[in-house]
């Protein structure tokens, strides 16, 4: 199973611990260097799908300033899938770097920051 970008960043955020929706939005933006700009509608639809697939589960709620905060936690199945997806992305990045090196002989290819 391949993860959507939204699912990848949500699971990555939850791998750092239990979070509520707004924390997930902020953390995903932070750890992705701003590339994960999840909208609330996308976030909650993706959370529902991830929960239905047993990749995350609800882990309590609290009321803060009259608003309910629902917390989520990644499951072992979610960790396994995120690990597999991360490994696949690493293999893809290695293949791309090798192709870029072949396309530019004698020049070092710099990927990332």
PDB file of N, CA and C in Angstrom:
ATOM      1  N   UNK A   1       0.845  -1.175   0.000  1.00  0.00           N
ATOM      2  CA  UNK A   1       0.000   0.000   0.000  1.00  0.00           C
ATOM      3  C   UNK A   1       0.891   1.239   0.000  1.00  0.00           C
ATOM      4  N   UNK A   2       0.645   2.132  -0.911  1.00  0.00           N
ATOM      5  CA  UNK A   2       1.389   3.383  -0.981  1.00  0.00           C
ATOM      6  C   UNK A   2       0.581   4.473  -0.270  1.00  0.00           C
ATOM      7  N   UNK A   3       1.266   5.326   0.443  1.00  0.00           N
ATOM      8  CA  UNK A   3       0.604   6.393   1.192  1.00  0.00           C
ATOM      9  C   UNK A   3       0.505   7.667   0.371  1.00  0.00           C
ATOM     10  N   UNK A   4      -0.598   8.372   0.530  1.00  0.00           N
ATOM     11  CA  UNK A   4      -0.696   9.714  -0.041  1.00  0.00           C
ATOM     12  C   UNK A   4       0.252  10.613   0.747  1.00  0.00           C
ATOM     13  N   UNK A   5       0.559  11.753   0.177  1.00  0.00           N
ATOM     14  CA  UNK A   5       1.424  12.712   0.862  1.00  0.00           C
ATOM     15  C   UNK A   5       0.819  13.115   2.210  1.00  0.00           C
ATOM     16  N   UNK A   6      -0.480  13.364   2.227  1.00  0.00           N
ATOM     17  CA  UNK A   6      -1.151  13.748   3.479  1.00  0.00           C
ATOM     18  C   UNK A   6      -1.020  12.656   4.527  1.00  0.00           C
ATOM     19  N   UNK A   7      -1.290  11.418   4.131  1.00  0.00           N
ATOM     20  CA  UNK A   7      -1.204  10.296   5.069  1.00  0.00           C
ATOM     21  C   UNK A   7       0.226  10.123   5.571  1.00  0.00           C
ATOM     22  N   UNK A   8       1.192  10.272   4.670  1.00  0.00           N
ATOM     23  CA  UNK A   8       2.598  10.139   5.062  1.00  0.00           C
ATOM     24  C   UNK A   8       2.952  11.142   6.157  1.00  0.00           C
ATOM     25  N   UNK A   9       2.590  12.414   5.959  1.00  0.00           N
ATOM     26  CA  UNK A   9       2.969  13.433   6.935  1.00  0.00           C
ATOM     27  C   UNK A   9       2.171  13.313   8.221  1.00  0.00           C
ATOM     28  N   UNK A  10       0.925  12.872   8.151  1.00  0.00           N
ATOM     29  CA  UNK A  10       0.138  12.652   9.369  1.00  0.00           C
ATOM     30  C   UNK A  10       0.754  11.520  10.186  1.00  0.00           C
ATOM     31  N   UNK A  11       1.061  10.402   9.534  1.00  0.00           N
ATOM     32  CA  UNK A  11       1.682   9.286  10.252  1.00  0.00           C
ATOM     33  C   UNK A  11       3.049   9.674  10.807  1.00  0.00           C
ATOM     34  N   UNK A  12       3.808  10.439  10.044  1.00  0.00           N
ATOM     35  CA  UNK A  12       5.120  10.884  10.517  1.00  0.00           C
ATOM     36  C   UNK A  12       4.971  11.764  11.752  1.00  0.00           C
ATOM     37  N   UNK A  13       3.992  12.643  11.735  1.00  0.00           N
ATOM     38  CA  UNK A  13       3.726  13.489  12.897  1.00  0.00           C
ATOM     39  C   UNK A  13       3.339  12.639  14.109  1.00  0.00           C
ATOM     40  N   UNK A  14       2.473  11.661  13.893  1.00  0.00           N
ATOM     41  CA  UNK A  14       2.019  10.821  15.003  1.00  0.00           C
ATOM     42  C   UNK A  14       3.107   9.862  15.488  1.00  0.00           C
ATOM     43  N   UNK A  15       4.097   9.587  14.657  1.00  0.00           N
ATOM     44  CA  UNK A  15       5.218   8.753  15.103  1.00  0.00           C
ATOM     45  C   UNK A  15       5.988   9.454  16.224  1.00  0.00           C
ATOM     46  N   UNK A  16       5.857  10.771  16.304  1.00  0.00           N
ATOM     47  CA  UNK A  16       6.499  11.547  17.367  1.00  0.00           C
ATOM     48  C   UNK A  16       5.677  11.573  18.648  1.00  0.00           C
ATOM     49  N   UNK A  17       4.484  10.967  18.634  1.00  0.00           N
ATOM     50  CA  UNK A  17       3.657  10.917  19.839  1.00  0.00           C
ATOM     51  C   UNK A  17       2.213  11.299  19.584  1.00  0.00           C
ATOM     52  N   UNK A  18       1.428  11.177  20.613  1.00  0.00           N
ATOM     53  CA  UNK A  18      -0.011  11.466  20.597  1.00  0.00           C
ATOM     54  C   UNK A  18      -0.232  12.944  20.266  1.00  0.00           C
ATOM     55  N   UNK A  19      -1.173  13.212  19.365  1.00  0.00           N
ATOM     56  CA  UNK A  19      -1.438  14.589  18.931  1.00  0.00           C
ATOM     57  C   UNK A  19      -2.936  14.784  18.676  1.00  0.00           C
ATOM     58  N   UNK A  20      -3.387  16.027  18.813  1.00  0.00           N
ATOM     59  CA  UNK A  20      -4.734  16.373  18.345  1.00  0.00           C
ATOM     60  C   UNK A  20      -4.599  17.034  16.978  1.00  0.00           C
ATOM     61  N   UNK A  21      -5.724  17.255  16.321  1.00  0.00           N
ATOM     62  CA  UNK A  21      -5.722  17.713  14.930  1.00  0.00           C
ATOM     63  C   UNK A  21      -4.853  18.919  14.640  1.00  0.00           C
ATOM     64  N   UNK A  22      -5.013  19.982  15.423  1.00  0.00           N
ATOM     65  CA  UNK A  22      -4.239  21.190  15.142  1.00  0.00           C
ATOM     66  C   UNK A  22      -2.743  20.944  15.345  1.00  0.00           C
ATOM     67  N   UNK A  23      -2.387  20.128  16.344  1.00  0.00           N
ATOM     68  CA  UNK A  23      -0.971  19.788  16.545  1.00  0.00           C
ATOM     69  C   UNK A  23      -0.422  19.029  15.339  1.00  0.00           C
ATOM     70  N   UNK A  24      -1.237  18.143  14.774  1.00  0.00           N
ATOM     71  CA  UNK A  24      -0.806  17.392  13.591  1.00  0.00           C
ATOM     72  C   UNK A  24      -0.546  18.353  12.436  1.00  0.00           C
ATOM     73  N   UNK A  25      -1.463  19.305  12.214  1.00  0.00           N
ATOM     74  CA  UNK A  25      -1.276  20.298  11.140  1.00  0.00           C
ATOM     75  C   UNK A  25       0.039  21.047  11.315  1.00  0.00           C
ATOM     76  N   UNK A  26       0.286  21.537  12.524  1.00  0.00           N
ATOM     77  CA  UNK A  26       1.508  22.313  12.791  1.00  0.00           C
ATOM     78  C   UNK A  26       2.758  21.464  12.649  1.00  0.00           C
ATOM     79  N   UNK A  27       2.729  20.264  13.225  1.00  0.00           N
ATOM     80  CA  UNK A  27       3.915  19.411  13.187  1.00  0.00           C
ATOM     81  C   UNK A  27       4.222  18.961  11.764  1.00  0.00           C
ATOM     82  N   UNK A  28       3.197  18.614  10.993  1.00  0.00           N
ATOM     83  CA  UNK A  28       3.420  18.186   9.607  1.00  0.00           C
ATOM     84  C   UNK A  28       4.092  19.309   8.816  1.00  0.00           C
ATOM     85  N   UNK A  29       3.629  20.532   8.995  1.00  0.00           N
ATOM     86  CA  UNK A  29       4.248  21.669   8.303  1.00  0.00           C
ATOM     87  C   UNK A  29       5.694  21.859   8.756  1.00  0.00           C
ATOM     88  N   UNK A  30       5.942  21.707  10.043  1.00  0.00           N
ATOM     89  CA  UNK A  30       7.288  21.899  10.592  1.00  0.00           C
ATOM     90  C   UNK A  30       8.262  20.833  10.097  1.00  0.00           C
ATOM     91  N   UNK A  31       7.901  19.571  10.229  1.00  0.00           N
ATOM     92  CA  UNK A  31       8.849  18.504   9.884  1.00  0.00           C
ATOM     93  C   UNK A  31       9.020  18.323   8.383  1.00  0.00           C
ATOM     94  N   UNK A  32       8.083  18.878   7.603  1.00  0.00           N
ATOM     95  CA  UNK A  32       8.202  18.788   6.137  1.00  0.00           C
ATOM     96  C   UNK A  32       8.835  20.042   5.546  1.00  0.00           C
ATOM     97  N   UNK A  33       9.357  20.911   6.392  1.00  0.00           N
ATOM     98  CA  UNK A  33       9.903  22.201   5.948  1.00  0.00           C
ATOM     99  C   UNK A  33       8.869  23.008   5.174  1.00  0.00           C
ATOM    100  N   UNK A  34       7.619  22.905   5.586  1.00  0.00           N
ATOM    101  CA  UNK A  34       6.548  23.692   4.988  1.00  0.00           C
ATOM    102  C   UNK A  34       5.917  23.104   3.745  1.00  0.00           C
ATOM    103  N   UNK A  35       6.387  21.952   3.292  1.00  0.00           N
ATOM    104  CA  UNK A  35       5.805  21.372   2.073  1.00  0.00           C
ATOM    105  C   UNK A  35       4.461  20.700   2.337  1.00  0.00           C
ATOM    106  N   UNK A  36       4.219  20.264   3.567  1.00  0.00           N
ATOM    107  CA  UNK A  36       2.928  19.652   3.912  1.00  0.00           C
ATOM    108  C   UNK A  36       2.021  20.739   4.460  1.00  0.00           C
ATOM    109  N   UNK A  37       1.185  21.256   3.610  1.00  0.00           N
ATOM    110  CA  UNK A  37       0.228  22.297   4.014  1.00  0.00           C
ATOM    111  C   UNK A  37      -1.165  21.679   3.983  1.00  0.00           C
ATOM    112  N   UNK A  38      -1.485  20.957   5.032  1.00  0.00           N
ATOM    113  CA  UNK A  38      -2.759  20.257   5.094  1.00  0.00           C
ATOM    114  C   UNK A  38      -3.880  21.219   5.458  1.00  0.00           C
ATOM    115  N   UNK A  39      -4.977  21.112   4.752  1.00  0.00           N
ATOM    116  CA  UNK A  39      -6.177  21.862   5.105  1.00  0.00           C
ATOM    117  C   UNK A  39      -6.959  21.020   6.109  1.00  0.00           C
ATOM    118  N   UNK A  40      -7.713  21.668   6.989  1.00  0.00           N
ATOM    119  CA  UNK A  40      -8.472  20.897   7.980  1.00  0.00           C
ATOM    120  C   UNK A  40      -9.373  19.820   7.359  1.00  0.00           C
ATOM    121  N   UNK A  41     -10.020  20.126   6.244  1.00  0.00           N
ATOM    122  CA  UNK A  41     -10.890  19.114   5.627  1.00  0.00           C
ATOM    123  C   UNK A  41     -10.085  17.907   5.163  1.00  0.00           C
ATOM    124  N   UNK A  42      -8.913  18.146   4.591  1.00  0.00           N
ATOM    125  CA  UNK A  42      -8.032  17.050   4.164  1.00  0.00           C
ATOM    126  C   UNK A  42      -7.541  16.270   5.375  1.00  0.00           C
ATOM    127  N   UNK A  43      -7.133  16.981   6.410  1.00  0.00           N
ATOM    128  CA  UNK A  43      -6.641  16.336   7.625  1.00  0.00           C
ATOM    129  C   UNK A  43      -7.681  15.373   8.183  1.00  0.00           C
ATOM    130  N   UNK A  44      -8.899  15.857   8.415  1.00  0.00           N
ATOM    131  CA  UNK A  44      -9.893  15.021   9.087  1.00  0.00           C
ATOM    132  C   UNK A  44     -10.397  13.891   8.199  1.00  0.00           C
ATOM    133  N   UNK A  45     -10.488  14.108   6.908  1.00  0.00           N
ATOM    134  CA  UNK A  45     -10.859  13.012   6.004  1.00  0.00           C
ATOM    135  C   UNK A  45      -9.771  11.942   6.000  1.00  0.00           C
ATOM    136  N   UNK A  46      -8.512  12.372   6.002  1.00  0.00           N
ATOM    137  CA  UNK A  46      -7.397  11.421   6.016  1.00  0.00           C
ATOM    138  C   UNK A  46      -7.321  10.700   7.353  1.00  0.00           C
ATOM    139  N   UNK A  47      -7.549  11.407   8.451  1.00  0.00           N
ATOM    140  CA  UNK A  47      -7.569  10.755   9.762  1.00  0.00           C
ATOM    141  C   UNK A  47      -8.632   9.656   9.800  1.00  0.00           C
ATOM    142  N   UNK A  48      -9.806   9.925   9.246  1.00  0.00           N
ATOM    143  CA  UNK A  48     -10.872   8.912   9.203  1.00  0.00           C
ATOM    144  C   UNK A  48     -10.432   7.688   8.411  1.00  0.00           C
ATOM    145  N   UNK A  49      -9.814   7.911   7.253  1.00  0.00           N
ATOM    146  CA  UNK A  49      -9.343   6.782   6.428  1.00  0.00           C
ATOM    147  C   UNK A  49      -8.253   5.990   7.147  1.00  0.00           C
ATOM    148  N   UNK A  50      -7.315   6.691   7.767  1.00  0.00           N
ATOM    149  CA  UNK A  50      -6.236   6.007   8.487  1.00  0.00           C
ATOM    150  C   UNK A  50      -6.779   5.205   9.664  1.00  0.00           C
ATOM    151  N   UNK A  51      -7.774   5.753  10.338  1.00  0.00           N
ATOM    152  CA  UNK A  51      -8.378   5.041  11.466  1.00  0.00           C
ATOM    153  C   UNK A  51      -9.143   3.806  10.979  1.00  0.00           C
ATOM    154  N   UNK A  52      -9.844   3.927   9.862  1.00  0.00           N
ATOM    155  CA  UNK A  52     -10.583   2.789   9.301  1.00  0.00           C
ATOM    156  C   UNK A  52      -9.645   1.657   8.883  1.00  0.00           C
ATOM    157  N   UNK A  53      -8.415   2.005   8.514  1.00  0.00           N
ATOM    158  CA  UNK A  53      -7.419   1.002   8.100  1.00  0.00           C
ATOM    159  C   UNK A  53      -6.560   0.530   9.277  1.00  0.00           C
ATOM    160  N   UNK A  54      -6.908   0.958  10.498  1.00  0.00           N
ATOM    161  CA  UNK A  54      -6.186   0.589  11.716  1.00  0.00           C
ATOM    162  C   UNK A  54      -4.724   1.048  11.701  1.00  0.00           C
ATOM    163  N   UNK A  55      -4.466   2.169  11.042  1.00  0.00           N
ATOM    164  CA  UNK A  55      -3.115   2.741  11.035  1.00  0.00           C
ATOM    165  C   UNK A  55      -2.935   3.742  12.175  1.00  0.00           C
ATOM    166  N   UNK A  56      -4.049   4.289  12.644  1.00  0.00           N
ATOM    167  CA  UNK A  56      -4.068   5.172  13.811  1.00  0.00           C
ATOM    168  C   UNK A  56      -5.306   4.815  14.629  1.00  0.00           C
ATOM    169  N   UNK A  57      -5.353   5.314  15.858  1.00  0.00           N
ATOM    170  CA  UNK A  57      -6.584   5.173  16.633  1.00  0.00           C
ATOM    171  C   UNK A  57      -6.782   6.414  17.486  1.00  0.00           C
ATOM    172  N   UNK A  58      -8.059   6.688  17.783  1.00  0.00           N
ATOM    173  CA  UNK A  58      -8.379   7.799  18.669  1.00  0.00           C
ATOM    174  C   UNK A  58      -7.856   7.447  20.051  1.00  0.00           C
ATOM    175  N   UNK A  59      -7.311   8.446  20.736  1.00  0.00           N
ATOM    176  CA  UNK A  59      -6.685   8.200  22.034  1.00  0.00           C
ATOM    177  C   UNK A  59      -7.115   9.266  23.034  1.00  0.00           C
ATOM    178  N   UNK A  60      -8.412   9.396  23.197  1.00  0.00           N
ATOM    179  CA  UNK A  60      -8.950  10.325  24.176  1.00  0.00           C
ATOM    180  C   UNK A  60      -9.305  11.676  23.591  1.00  0.00           C
ATOM    181  N   UNK A  61      -9.963  12.447  24.421  1.00  0.00           N
ATOM    182  CA  UNK A  61     -10.328  13.804  24.026  1.00  0.00           C
ATOM    183  C   UNK A  61     -10.434  14.656  25.272  1.00  0.00           C
ATOM    184  N   UNK A  62     -10.390  15.961  25.062  1.00  0.00           N
ATOM    185  CA  UNK A  62     -10.550  16.911  26.156  1.00  0.00           C
ATOM    186  C   UNK A  62     -11.234  18.152  25.609  1.00  0.00           C
ATOM    187  N   UNK A  63     -11.863  18.895  26.494  1.00  0.00           N
ATOM    188  CA  UNK A  63     -12.507  20.146  26.106  1.00  0.00           C
ATOM    189  C   UNK A  63     -11.609  21.289  26.561  1.00  0.00           C
ATOM    190  N   UNK A  64     -11.229  22.138  25.600  1.00  0.00           N
ATOM    191  CA  UNK A  64     -10.390  23.300  25.882  1.00  0.00           C
ATOM    192  C   UNK A  64     -11.092  24.514  25.290  1.00  0.00           C
ATOM    193  N   UNK A  65     -11.369  25.493  26.132  1.00  0.00           N
ATOM    194  CA  UNK A  65     -12.071  26.710  25.698  1.00  0.00           C
ATOM    195  C   UNK A  65     -13.367  26.374  24.967  1.00  0.00           C
ATOM    196  N   UNK A  66     -14.083  25.380  25.463  1.00  0.00           N
ATOM    197  CA  UNK A  66     -15.370  25.017  24.882  1.00  0.00           C
ATOM    198  C   UNK A  66     -15.286  24.182  23.615  1.00  0.00           C
ATOM    199  N   UNK A  67     -14.087  23.824  23.195  1.00  0.00           N
ATOM    200  CA  UNK A  67     -13.916  23.029  21.974  1.00  0.00           C
ATOM    201  C   UNK A  67     -13.340  21.667  22.333  1.00  0.00           C
ATOM    202  N   UNK A  68     -13.846  20.642  21.647  1.00  0.00           N
ATOM    203  CA  UNK A  68     -13.367  19.283  21.894  1.00  0.00           C
ATOM    204  C   UNK A  68     -12.110  19.031  21.071  1.00  0.00           C
ATOM    205  N   UNK A  69     -11.068  18.573  21.741  1.00  0.00           N
ATOM    206  CA  UNK A  69      -9.836  18.155  21.060  1.00  0.00           C
ATOM    207  C   UNK A  69      -9.793  16.633  21.106  1.00  0.00           C
ATOM    208  N   UNK A  70      -9.763  16.025  19.949  1.00  0.00           N
ATOM    209  CA  UNK A  70      -9.663  14.573  19.872  1.00  0.00           C
ATOM    210  C   UNK A  70      -8.209  14.229  19.564  1.00  0.00           C
ATOM    211  N   UNK A  71      -7.656  13.333  20.341  1.00  0.00           N
ATOM    212  CA  UNK A  71      -6.262  12.936  20.181  1.00  0.00           C
ATOM    213  C   UNK A  71      -6.158  11.637  19.394  1.00  0.00           C
ATOM    214  N   UNK A  72      -5.042  11.498  18.680  1.00  0.00           N
ATOM    215  CA  UNK A  72      -4.779  10.314  17.861  1.00  0.00           C
ATOM    216  C   UNK A  72      -3.396   9.783  18.179  1.00  0.00           C
ATOM    217  N   UNK A  73      -3.242   8.475  17.970  1.00  0.00           N
ATOM    218  CA  UNK A  73      -1.957   7.815  18.171  1.00  0.00           C
ATOM    219  C   UNK A  73      -1.759   6.827  17.021  1.00  0.00           C
ATOM    220  N   UNK A  74      -0.522   6.684  16.559  1.00  0.00           N
ATOM    221  CA  UNK A  74      -0.204   5.730  15.498  1.00  0.00           C
ATOM    222  C   UNK A  74      -0.219   4.314  16.087  1.00  0.00           C
ATOM    223  N   UNK A  75      -0.681   3.341  15.312  1.00  0.00           N
ATOM    224  CA  UNK A  75      -0.693   1.942  15.746  1.00  0.00           C
ATOM    225  C   UNK A  75       0.585   1.245  15.279  1.00  0.00           C
ATOM    226  N   UNK A  76       0.785   0.028  15.751  1.00  0.00           N
ATOM    227  CA  UNK A  76       1.930  -0.756  15.279  1.00  0.00           C
ATOM    228  C   UNK A  76       1.842  -0.986  13.774  1.00  0.00           C
ATOM    229  N   UNK A  77       0.627  -1.215  13.274  1.00  0.00           N
ATOM    230  CA  UNK A  77       0.433  -1.380  11.828  1.00  0.00           C
ATOM    231  C   UNK A  77       0.821  -0.105  11.093  1.00  0.00           C
ATOM    232  N   UNK A  78       0.456   1.051  11.658  1.00  0.00           N
ATOM    233  CA  UNK A  78       0.830   2.330  11.069  1.00  0.00           C
ATOM    234  C   UNK A  78       2.331   2.542  11.060  1.00  0.00           C
ATOM    235  N   UNK A  79       2.991   2.150  12.144  1.00  0.00           N
ATOM    236  CA  UNK A  79       4.453   2.268  12.207  1.00  0.00           C
ATOM    237  C   UNK A  79       5.097   1.385  11.148  1.00  0.00           C
ATOM    238  N   UNK A  80       4.587   0.152  11.013  1.00  0.00           N
ATOM    239  CA  UNK A  80       5.137  -0.765  10.002  1.00  0.00           C
ATOM    240  C   UNK A  80       4.979  -0.195   8.595  1.00  0.00           C
ATOM    241  N   UNK A  81       3.798   0.358   8.304  1.00  0.00           N
ATOM    242  CA  UNK A  81       3.562   0.917   6.969  1.00  0.00           C
ATOM    243  C   UNK A  81       4.420   2.158   6.732  1.00  0.00           C
ATOM    244  N   UNK A  82       4.531   3.027   7.723  1.00  0.00           N
ATOM    245  CA  UNK A  82       5.365   4.224   7.586  1.00  0.00           C
ATOM    246  C   UNK A  82       6.827   3.838   7.381  1.00  0.00           C
ATOM    247  N   UNK A  83       7.283   2.816   8.078  1.00  0.00           N
ATOM    248  CA  UNK A  83       8.656   2.331   7.904  1.00  0.00           C
ATOM    249  C   UNK A  83       8.869   1.832   6.480  1.00  0.00           C
ATOM    250  N   UNK A  84       7.939   1.024   5.978  1.00  0.00           N
ATOM    251  CA  UNK A  84       8.050   0.491   4.614  1.00  0.00           C
ATOM    252  C   UNK A  84       8.016   1.617   3.588  1.00  0.00           C
ATOM    253  N   UNK A  85       7.142   2.596   3.786  1.00  0.00           N
ATOM    254  CA  UNK A  85       7.038   3.726   2.856  1.00  0.00           C
ATOM    255  C   UNK A  85       8.323   4.550   2.869  1.00  0.00           C
ATOM    256  N   UNK A  86       8.885   4.769   4.046  1.00  0.00           N
ATOM    257  CA  UNK A  86      10.132   5.523   4.171  1.00  0.00           C
ATOM    258  C   UNK A  86      11.272   4.802   3.463  1.00  0.00           C
ATOM    259  N   UNK A  87      11.339   3.497   3.624  1.00  0.00           N
ATOM    260  CA  UNK A  87      12.373   2.711   2.944  1.00  0.00           C
ATOM    261  C   UNK A  87      12.202   2.778   1.426  1.00  0.00           C
ATOM    262  N   UNK A  88      10.968   2.728   0.947  1.00  0.00           N
ATOM    263  CA  UNK A  88      10.714   2.828  -0.495  1.00  0.00           C
ATOM    264  C   UNK A  88      11.133   4.202  -1.020  1.00  0.00           C
ATOM    265  N   UNK A  89      10.840   5.255  -0.262  1.00  0.00           N
ATOM    266  CA  UNK A  89      11.249   6.603  -0.672  1.00  0.00           C
ATOM    267  C   UNK A  89      12.770   6.732  -0.699  1.00  0.00           C
ATOM    268  N   UNK A  90      13.442   6.120   0.271  1.00  0.00           N
ATOM    269  CA  UNK A  90      14.911   6.152   0.282  1.00  0.00           C
ATOM    270  C   UNK A  90      15.482   5.439  -0.941  1.00  0.00           C
ATOM    271  N   UNK A  91      14.896   4.287  -1.314  1.00  0.00           N
ATOM    272  CA  UNK A  91      15.354   3.572  -2.513  1.00  0.00           C
ATOM    273  C   UNK A  91      15.128   4.425  -3.762  1.00  0.00           C
ATOM    274  N   UNK A  92      13.977   5.079  -3.831  1.00  0.00           N
ATOM    275  CA  UNK A  92      13.679   5.946  -4.978  1.00  0.00           C
ATOM    276  C   UNK A  92      14.660   7.107  -5.058  1.00  0.00           C
ATOM    277  N   UNK A  93      14.974   7.706  -3.915  1.00  0.00           N
ATOM    278  CA  UNK A  93      15.925   8.825  -3.895  1.00  0.00           C
ATOM    279  C   UNK A  93      17.313   8.367  -4.337  1.00  0.00           C
ATOM    280  N   UNK A  94      17.743   7.179  -3.886  1.00  0.00           N
ATOM    281  CA  UNK A  94      19.051   6.650  -4.314  1.00  0.00           C
ATOM    282  C   UNK A  94      19.075   6.434  -5.822  1.00  0.00           C
ATOM    283  N   UNK A  95      17.998   5.872  -6.368  1.00  0.00           N
ATOM    284  CA  UNK A  95      17.935   5.626  -7.814  1.00  0.00           C
ATOM    285  C   UNK A  95      17.976   6.944  -8.581  1.00  0.00           C
ATOM    286  N   UNK A  96      17.257   7.950  -8.088  1.00  0.00           N
ATOM    287  CA  UNK A  96      17.251   9.254  -8.751  1.00  0.00           C
ATOM    288  C   UNK A  96      18.636   9.896  -8.702  1.00  0.00           C
ATOM    289  N   UNK A  97      19.316   9.812  -7.547  1.00  0.00           N
ATOM    290  CA  UNK A  97      20.672  10.373  -7.440  1.00  0.00           C
ATOM    291  C   UNK A  97      21.625   9.673  -8.402  1.00  0.00           C
ATOM    292  N   UNK A  98      21.496   8.354  -8.522  1.00  0.00           N
ATOM    293  CA  UNK A  98      22.360   7.606  -9.444  1.00  0.00           C
ATOM    294  C   UNK A  98      22.099   8.035 -10.882  1.00  0.00           C
ATOM    295  N   UNK A  99      20.840   8.212 -11.237  1.00  0.00           N
ATOM    296  CA  UNK A  99      20.508   8.654 -12.593  1.00  0.00           C
ATOM    297  C   UNK A  99      21.019  10.058 -12.858  1.00  0.00           C
ATOM    298  N   UNK A 100      20.891  10.934 -11.883  1.00  0.00           N
ATOM    299  CA  UNK A 100      21.390  12.302 -12.042  1.00  0.00           C
ATOM    300  C   UNK A 100      22.906  12.322 -12.179  1.00  0.00           C
ATOM    301  N   UNK A 101      23.584  11.473 -11.430  1.00  0.00           N
ATOM    302  CA  UNK A 101      25.048  11.385 -11.543  1.00  0.00           C
ATOM    303  C   UNK A 101      25.452  10.918 -12.932  1.00  0.00           C
ATOM    304  N   UNK A 102      24.709   9.963 -13.478  1.00  0.00           N
ATOM    305  CA  UNK A 102      25.003   9.464 -14.824  1.00  0.00           C
ATOM    306  C   UNK A 102      24.726  10.535 -15.873  1.00  0.00           C
ATOM    307  N   UNK A 103      23.729  11.365 -15.618  1.00  0.00           N
ATOM    308  CA  UNK A 103      23.374  12.421 -16.569  1.00  0.00           C
ATOM    309  C   UNK A 103      24.383  13.560 -16.554  1.00  0.00           C
ATOM    310  N   UNK A 104      25.127  13.672 -15.467  1.00  0.00           N
ATOM    311  CA  UNK A 104      26.100  14.757 -15.312  1.00  0.00           C
ATOM    312  C   UNK A 104      27.441  14.186 -14.882  1.00  0.00           C
ATOM    313  N   UNK A 105      28.116  13.472 -15.763  1.00  0.00           N
ATOM    314  CA  UNK A 105      29.397  12.869 -15.382  1.00  0.00           C
ATOM    315  C   UNK A 105      30.390  13.937 -14.919  1.00  0.00           C
ATOM    316  N   UNK A 106      31.116  13.602 -13.870  1.00  0.00           N
ATOM    317  CA  UNK A 106      32.146  14.512 -13.379  1.00  0.00           C
ATOM    318  C   UNK A 106      31.631  15.604 -12.468  1.00  0.00           C
ATOM    319  N   UNK A 107      30.321  15.711 -12.340  1.00  0.00           N
ATOM    320  CA  UNK A 107      29.745  16.722 -11.454  1.00  0.00           C
ATOM    321  C   UNK A 107      29.085  16.020 -10.285  1.00  0.00           C
ATOM    322  N   UNK A 108      29.275  16.554  -9.130  1.00  0.00           N
ATOM    323  CA  UNK A 108      28.613  15.989  -7.954  1.00  0.00           C
ATOM    324  C   UNK A 108      27.176  16.465  -7.934  1.00  0.00           C
ATOM    325  N   UNK A 109      26.283  15.558  -7.660  1.00  0.00           N
ATOM    326  CA  UNK A 109      24.868  15.897  -7.561  1.00  0.00           C
ATOM    327  C   UNK A 109      24.541  16.126  -6.099  1.00  0.00           C
ATOM    328  N   UNK A 110      24.009  17.282  -5.812  1.00  0.00           N
ATOM    329  CA  UNK A 110      23.659  17.620  -4.441  1.00  0.00           C
ATOM    330  C   UNK A 110      22.149  17.621  -4.321  1.00  0.00           C
ATOM    331  N   UNK A 111      21.642  16.745  -3.482  1.00  0.00           N
ATOM    332  CA  UNK A 111      20.209  16.654  -3.250  1.00  0.00           C
ATOM    333  C   UNK A 111      19.951  17.067  -1.816  1.00  0.00           C
ATOM    334  N   UNK A 112      18.955  17.905  -1.597  1.00  0.00           N
ATOM    335  CA  UNK A 112      18.638  18.367  -0.249  1.00  0.00           C
ATOM    336  C   UNK A 112      19.278  19.703   0.022  1.00  0.00           C
ATOM    337  N   UNK A 113      19.316  20.005   1.315  1.00  0.00           N
ATOM    338  CA  UNK A 113      19.856  21.307   1.712  1.00  0.00           C
ATOM    339  C   UNK A 113      21.184  21.171   2.357  1.00  0.00           C
TER     340      UNK A 113
END
